[in-house]
């Protein structure tokens, strides 16, 4: 099979959303997200992405199968819960391009696709010509969490090599059901940013 990376924009996005939904449920079930997701929620969540002007889905394909995806869109189109922490700091969300999920099945990791995902999303943000910064957020879990795998290495070093840095105190809060819980709980999501 031939592994390739395909950037999708505009009307090309919608056909990839079912695969993206399945990938989100599969990949985010693992540490550190522990997400117990449903296709119904995914379809609603991803409809917002599909409707966003300037959005991109970067698909990693092995033959005809999508084995990974990364998304990005203008922050102003992605909802109040993402934008509010920036507004509270007086930051112009109209100048921030937001990288959403980056999900890749384990068998295809370690092949440079993480860099390709960022390359395409950053290029899209630059191409649109409206943004001074690019940002993403990642869940914060305690070191002592009972489901933390032994030897887990976070992606902080990878993100740092790409020029991203944590913005102290810039945190969104999202609610979802963890695989080991009966109901939904709120999780802190730490933002990372870099100049675009």
C-alpha atoms as a PDB file:
ATOM      1  CA  UNK A   1       0.000   0.000   0.000  1.00  0.00           C
ATOM      2  CA  UNK A   2       1.057   3.562  -0.599  1.00  0.00           C
ATOM      3  CA  UNK A   3       0.944   5.975   2.315  1.00  0.00           C
ATOM      4  CA  UNK A   4       0.065   9.507   1.265  1.00  0.00           C
ATOM      5  CA  UNK A   5      -1.103  12.747   2.888  1.00  0.00           C
ATOM      6  CA  UNK A   6      -4.009  14.568   1.284  1.00  0.00           C
ATOM      7  CA  UNK A   7      -5.133  18.086   2.295  1.00  0.00           C
ATOM      8  CA  UNK A   8      -8.899  18.530   1.969  1.00  0.00           C
ATOM      9  CA  UNK A   9     -10.700  21.889   1.914  1.00  0.00           C
ATOM     10  CA  UNK A  10     -14.154  23.219   1.084  1.00  0.00           C
ATOM     11  CA  UNK A  11     -16.475  20.568  -0.339  1.00  0.00           C
ATOM     12  CA  UNK A  12     -13.740  17.917  -0.095  1.00  0.00           C
ATOM     13  CA  UNK A  13     -14.098  17.825   3.713  1.00  0.00           C
ATOM     14  CA  UNK A  14     -17.590  16.342   4.118  1.00  0.00           C
ATOM     15  CA  UNK A  15     -16.836  12.926   2.545  1.00  0.00           C
ATOM     16  CA  UNK A  16     -13.935  12.424   5.003  1.00  0.00           C
ATOM     17  CA  UNK A  17     -15.995  13.154   8.140  1.00  0.00           C
ATOM     18  CA  UNK A  18     -17.277   9.606   8.789  1.00  0.00           C
ATOM     19  CA  UNK A  19     -13.693   8.312   8.796  1.00  0.00           C
ATOM     20  CA  UNK A  20     -12.606  11.210  11.007  1.00  0.00           C
ATOM     21  CA  UNK A  21     -15.423  10.442  13.463  1.00  0.00           C
ATOM     22  CA  UNK A  22     -14.374   6.780  13.688  1.00  0.00           C
ATOM     23  CA  UNK A  23     -10.730   7.764  14.158  1.00  0.00           C
ATOM     24  CA  UNK A  24     -11.593  10.237  16.916  1.00  0.00           C
ATOM     25  CA  UNK A  25     -13.535   7.567  18.808  1.00  0.00           C
ATOM     26  CA  UNK A  26     -10.763   4.964  18.400  1.00  0.00           C
ATOM     27  CA  UNK A  27      -7.696   7.126  19.054  1.00  0.00           C
ATOM     28  CA  UNK A  28      -9.129   9.354  21.791  1.00  0.00           C
ATOM     29  CA  UNK A  29     -10.226   6.258  23.734  1.00  0.00           C
ATOM     30  CA  UNK A  30      -6.557   5.808  24.673  1.00  0.00           C
ATOM     31  CA  UNK A  31      -4.500   7.838  27.126  1.00  0.00           C
ATOM     32  CA  UNK A  32      -4.522  10.757  27.745  1.00  0.00           C
ATOM     33  CA  UNK A  33      -8.056  11.499  26.480  1.00  0.00           C
ATOM     34  CA  UNK A  34      -9.808   8.295  27.656  1.00  0.00           C
ATOM     35  CA  UNK A  35     -12.810   9.476  25.623  1.00  0.00           C
ATOM     36  CA  UNK A  36     -15.905   7.264  25.591  1.00  0.00           C
ATOM     37  CA  UNK A  37     -17.353   8.736  22.410  1.00  0.00           C
ATOM     38  CA  UNK A  38     -20.385   8.162  20.215  1.00  0.00           C
ATOM     39  CA  UNK A  39     -20.911   8.627  16.487  1.00  0.00           C
ATOM     40  CA  UNK A  40     -23.916  10.852  17.178  1.00  0.00           C
ATOM     41  CA  UNK A  41     -21.840  13.347  19.131  1.00  0.00           C
ATOM     42  CA  UNK A  42     -19.040  13.157  16.572  1.00  0.00           C
ATOM     43  CA  UNK A  43     -21.342  13.993  13.673  1.00  0.00           C
ATOM     44  CA  UNK A  44     -22.633  17.079  15.499  1.00  0.00           C
ATOM     45  CA  UNK A  45     -19.121  18.194  16.506  1.00  0.00           C
ATOM     46  CA  UNK A  46     -17.647  17.696  13.039  1.00  0.00           C
ATOM     47  CA  UNK A  47     -20.510  19.473  11.260  1.00  0.00           C
ATOM     48  CA  UNK A  48     -19.177  22.714  12.750  1.00  0.00           C
ATOM     49  CA  UNK A  49     -15.767  21.999  11.221  1.00  0.00           C
ATOM     50  CA  UNK A  50     -17.243  21.172   7.813  1.00  0.00           C
ATOM     51  CA  UNK A  51     -19.140  24.483   7.771  1.00  0.00           C
ATOM     52  CA  UNK A  52     -16.170  26.644   8.782  1.00  0.00           C
ATOM     53  CA  UNK A  53     -14.728  28.919   6.101  1.00  0.00           C
ATOM     54  CA  UNK A  54     -10.999  28.266   5.768  1.00  0.00           C
ATOM     55  CA  UNK A  55     -11.102  24.820   7.403  1.00  0.00           C
ATOM     56  CA  UNK A  56      -8.802  21.988   6.410  1.00  0.00           C
ATOM     57  CA  UNK A  57      -8.745  18.255   7.055  1.00  0.00           C
ATOM     58  CA  UNK A  58      -5.394  16.618   6.407  1.00  0.00           C
ATOM     59  CA  UNK A  59      -5.991  12.923   5.710  1.00  0.00           C
ATOM     60  CA  UNK A  60      -3.325  10.239   5.933  1.00  0.00           C
ATOM     61  CA  UNK A  61      -4.298   7.483   3.540  1.00  0.00           C
ATOM     62  CA  UNK A  62      -2.963   3.952   3.168  1.00  0.00           C
ATOM     63  CA  UNK A  63      -4.333   2.935  -0.189  1.00  0.00           C
ATOM     64  CA  UNK A  64      -7.998   3.939  -0.089  1.00  0.00           C
ATOM     65  CA  UNK A  65      -8.247   3.776   3.733  1.00  0.00           C
ATOM     66  CA  UNK A  66      -7.984   6.904   5.887  1.00  0.00           C
ATOM     67  CA  UNK A  67      -5.719   5.938   8.811  1.00  0.00           C
ATOM     68  CA  UNK A  68      -5.254   9.401  10.312  1.00  0.00           C
ATOM     69  CA  UNK A  69      -6.575  12.947  10.169  1.00  0.00           C
ATOM     70  CA  UNK A  70      -5.711  16.377  11.462  1.00  0.00           C
ATOM     71  CA  UNK A  71      -7.981  19.402  11.337  1.00  0.00           C
ATOM     72  CA  UNK A  72      -7.749  23.170  11.556  1.00  0.00           C
ATOM     73  CA  UNK A  73     -10.051  26.153  11.107  1.00  0.00           C
ATOM     74  CA  UNK A  74     -10.309  29.803  12.105  1.00  0.00           C
ATOM     75  CA  UNK A  75     -10.724  30.072  15.874  1.00  0.00           C
ATOM     76  CA  UNK A  76     -13.631  32.505  15.408  1.00  0.00           C
ATOM     77  CA  UNK A  77     -15.660  29.744  13.733  1.00  0.00           C
ATOM     78  CA  UNK A  78     -15.042  27.014  16.286  1.00  0.00           C
ATOM     79  CA  UNK A  79     -17.257  28.006  19.208  1.00  0.00           C
ATOM     80  CA  UNK A  80     -17.272  30.035  22.407  1.00  0.00           C
ATOM     81  CA  UNK A  81     -15.723  27.429  24.695  1.00  0.00           C
ATOM     82  CA  UNK A  82     -12.528  27.514  22.630  1.00  0.00           C
ATOM     83  CA  UNK A  83     -12.472  31.261  22.057  1.00  0.00           C
ATOM     84  CA  UNK A  84     -13.460  32.516  25.518  1.00  0.00           C
ATOM     85  CA  UNK A  85     -10.046  32.032  27.203  1.00  0.00           C
ATOM     86  CA  UNK A  86      -8.478  34.164  24.427  1.00  0.00           C
ATOM     87  CA  UNK A  87     -11.185  36.841  24.679  1.00  0.00           C
ATOM     88  CA  UNK A  88     -10.662  37.061  28.447  1.00  0.00           C
ATOM     89  CA  UNK A  89      -7.028  37.964  27.755  1.00  0.00           C
ATOM     90  CA  UNK A  90      -7.979  40.574  25.174  1.00  0.00           C
ATOM     91  CA  UNK A  91      -6.600  38.521  22.289  1.00  0.00           C
ATOM     92  CA  UNK A  92      -8.131  38.924  18.835  1.00  0.00           C
ATOM     93  CA  UNK A  93      -9.582  35.520  17.971  1.00  0.00           C
ATOM     94  CA  UNK A  94      -9.979  36.679  14.383  1.00  0.00           C
ATOM     95  CA  UNK A  95      -6.164  36.485  14.093  1.00  0.00           C
ATOM     96  CA  UNK A  96      -5.809  32.928  15.467  1.00  0.00           C
ATOM     97  CA  UNK A  97      -5.917  29.774  13.361  1.00  0.00           C
ATOM     98  CA  UNK A  98      -6.895  26.767  15.470  1.00  0.00           C
ATOM     99  CA  UNK A  99      -5.530  23.240  15.075  1.00  0.00           C
ATOM    100  CA  UNK A 100      -8.145  20.769  16.240  1.00  0.00           C
ATOM    101  CA  UNK A 101      -7.657  17.047  16.534  1.00  0.00           C
ATOM    102  CA  UNK A 102      -4.727  15.084  15.247  1.00  0.00           C
ATOM    103  CA  UNK A 103      -5.604  11.383  15.260  1.00  0.00           C
ATOM    104  CA  UNK A 104      -3.553   8.556  13.803  1.00  0.00           C
ATOM    105  CA  UNK A 105      -3.910   4.809  14.247  1.00  0.00           C
ATOM    106  CA  UNK A 106      -0.953   3.298  16.165  1.00  0.00           C
ATOM    107  CA  UNK A 107       0.363   1.162  13.279  1.00  0.00           C
ATOM    108  CA  UNK A 108       1.109   4.302  11.224  1.00  0.00           C
ATOM    109  CA  UNK A 109       2.855   6.329  13.931  1.00  0.00           C
ATOM    110  CA  UNK A 110       6.557   7.118  13.772  1.00  0.00           C
ATOM    111  CA  UNK A 111       6.546   7.765  10.011  1.00  0.00           C
ATOM    112  CA  UNK A 112       6.622  11.568  10.022  1.00  0.00           C
ATOM    113  CA  UNK A 113       2.883  12.039   9.649  1.00  0.00           C
ATOM    114  CA  UNK A 114       2.669  14.261  12.734  1.00  0.00           C
ATOM    115  CA  UNK A 115       5.003  16.749  11.019  1.00  0.00           C
ATOM    116  CA  UNK A 116       3.027  16.493   7.768  1.00  0.00           C
ATOM    117  CA  UNK A 117      -0.199  17.214   9.657  1.00  0.00           C
ATOM    118  CA  UNK A 118       1.284  20.393  11.154  1.00  0.00           C
ATOM    119  CA  UNK A 119       2.960  21.420   7.873  1.00  0.00           C
ATOM    120  CA  UNK A 120      -0.330  21.367   5.967  1.00  0.00           C
ATOM    121  CA  UNK A 121      -2.347  23.092   8.706  1.00  0.00           C
ATOM    122  CA  UNK A 122       0.240  25.855   9.148  1.00  0.00           C
ATOM    123  CA  UNK A 123       0.420  26.316   5.364  1.00  0.00           C
ATOM    124  CA  UNK A 124      -3.375  26.665   5.190  1.00  0.00           C
ATOM    125  CA  UNK A 125      -3.333  29.274   7.958  1.00  0.00           C
ATOM    126  CA  UNK A 126      -0.668  31.265   6.087  1.00  0.00           C
ATOM    127  CA  UNK A 127      -2.437  30.858   2.737  1.00  0.00           C
ATOM    128  CA  UNK A 128      -5.614  32.391   4.125  1.00  0.00           C
ATOM    129  CA  UNK A 129      -3.612  35.520   5.008  1.00  0.00           C
ATOM    130  CA  UNK A 130      -5.698  36.527   8.042  1.00  0.00           C
ATOM    131  CA  UNK A 131      -3.845  35.015  10.975  1.00  0.00           C
ATOM    132  CA  UNK A 132      -0.900  36.082  13.104  1.00  0.00           C
ATOM    133  CA  UNK A 133      -0.874  33.002  15.361  1.00  0.00           C
ATOM    134  CA  UNK A 134      -1.756  29.333  15.364  1.00  0.00           C
ATOM    135  CA  UNK A 135      -2.881  27.423  18.454  1.00  0.00           C
ATOM    136  CA  UNK A 136      -4.054  24.057  19.694  1.00  0.00           C
ATOM    137  CA  UNK A 137      -4.971  22.610  23.060  1.00  0.00           C
ATOM    138  CA  UNK A 138      -4.218  19.340  24.834  1.00  0.00           C
ATOM    139  CA  UNK A 139      -5.840  17.692  27.826  1.00  0.00           C
ATOM    140  CA  UNK A 140      -4.087  18.010  31.191  1.00  0.00           C
ATOM    141  CA  UNK A 141      -4.084  14.821  33.270  1.00  0.00           C
ATOM    142  CA  UNK A 142      -2.509  14.302  36.708  1.00  0.00           C
ATOM    143  CA  UNK A 143       0.753  12.351  36.873  1.00  0.00           C
ATOM    144  CA  UNK A 144      -0.934  10.061  39.389  1.00  0.00           C
ATOM    145  CA  UNK A 145      -3.959   9.196  37.228  1.00  0.00           C
ATOM    146  CA  UNK A 146      -4.660   5.439  37.629  1.00  0.00           C
ATOM    147  CA  UNK A 147      -4.944   4.862  33.857  1.00  0.00           C
ATOM    148  CA  UNK A 148      -1.684   6.628  32.959  1.00  0.00           C
ATOM    149  CA  UNK A 149       0.458   4.052  31.103  1.00  0.00           C
ATOM    150  CA  UNK A 150       3.850   3.268  32.571  1.00  0.00           C
ATOM    151  CA  UNK A 151       6.581   5.005  30.589  1.00  0.00           C
ATOM    152  CA  UNK A 152       4.156   7.384  28.842  1.00  0.00           C
ATOM    153  CA  UNK A 153       6.014  10.210  27.085  1.00  0.00           C
ATOM    154  CA  UNK A 154       3.888  13.306  26.329  1.00  0.00           C
ATOM    155  CA  UNK A 155       4.242  15.118  23.008  1.00  0.00           C
ATOM    156  CA  UNK A 156       5.564  18.322  24.612  1.00  0.00           C
ATOM    157  CA  UNK A 157       9.057  17.938  23.088  1.00  0.00           C
ATOM    158  CA  UNK A 158       7.625  17.354  19.600  1.00  0.00           C
ATOM    159  CA  UNK A 159       5.389  20.413  19.885  1.00  0.00           C
ATOM    160  CA  UNK A 160       8.309  22.479  21.206  1.00  0.00           C
ATOM    161  CA  UNK A 161      10.457  21.461  18.222  1.00  0.00           C
ATOM    162  CA  UNK A 162       7.690  22.791  15.971  1.00  0.00           C
ATOM    163  CA  UNK A 163       7.933  26.189  17.692  1.00  0.00           C
ATOM    164  CA  UNK A 164       4.858  25.887  19.926  1.00  0.00           C
ATOM    165  CA  UNK A 165       4.925  26.859  23.587  1.00  0.00           C
ATOM    166  CA  UNK A 166       2.429  26.513  26.416  1.00  0.00           C
ATOM    167  CA  UNK A 167       0.680  29.778  27.253  1.00  0.00           C
ATOM    168  CA  UNK A 168       0.536  29.870  31.046  1.00  0.00           C
ATOM    169  CA  UNK A 169      -3.011  30.059  32.336  1.00  0.00           C
ATOM    170  CA  UNK A 170      -4.595  29.885  28.875  1.00  0.00           C
ATOM    171  CA  UNK A 171      -6.915  26.961  29.486  1.00  0.00           C
ATOM    172  CA  UNK A 172     -10.269  25.895  28.071  1.00  0.00           C
ATOM    173  CA  UNK A 173     -12.564  23.433  29.821  1.00  0.00           C
ATOM    174  CA  UNK A 174     -14.379  20.645  28.023  1.00  0.00           C
ATOM    175  CA  UNK A 175     -16.704  17.982  29.312  1.00  0.00           C
ATOM    176  CA  UNK A 176     -16.816  14.358  28.188  1.00  0.00           C
ATOM    177  CA  UNK A 177     -17.256  10.867  29.587  1.00  0.00           C
ATOM    178  CA  UNK A 178     -14.068   8.955  30.321  1.00  0.00           C
ATOM    179  CA  UNK A 179     -13.937   5.217  29.650  1.00  0.00           C
ATOM    180  CA  UNK A 180     -13.681   4.513  33.410  1.00  0.00           C
ATOM    181  CA  UNK A 181     -16.473   6.849  34.538  1.00  0.00           C
ATOM    182  CA  UNK A 182     -20.278   6.688  34.682  1.00  0.00           C
ATOM    183  CA  UNK A 183     -20.896  10.311  33.702  1.00  0.00           C
ATOM    184  CA  UNK A 184     -19.239  13.296  32.054  1.00  0.00           C
ATOM    185  CA  UNK A 185     -16.627  15.352  33.885  1.00  0.00           C
ATOM    186  CA  UNK A 186     -14.860  18.592  33.046  1.00  0.00           C
ATOM    187  CA  UNK A 187     -11.259  18.484  31.842  1.00  0.00           C
ATOM    188  CA  UNK A 188      -8.729  21.320  31.548  1.00  0.00           C
ATOM    189  CA  UNK A 189      -7.263  21.807  28.067  1.00  0.00           C
ATOM    190  CA  UNK A 190      -3.945  23.665  27.930  1.00  0.00           C
ATOM    191  CA  UNK A 191      -3.354  25.909  24.902  1.00  0.00           C
ATOM    192  CA  UNK A 192      -0.085  25.976  23.002  1.00  0.00           C
ATOM    193  CA  UNK A 193       0.683  28.723  20.457  1.00  0.00           C
ATOM    194  CA  UNK A 194       3.238  30.035  18.003  1.00  0.00           C
ATOM    195  CA  UNK A 195       3.473  32.937  15.623  1.00  0.00           C
ATOM    196  CA  UNK A 196       2.293  32.057  12.141  1.00  0.00           C
END
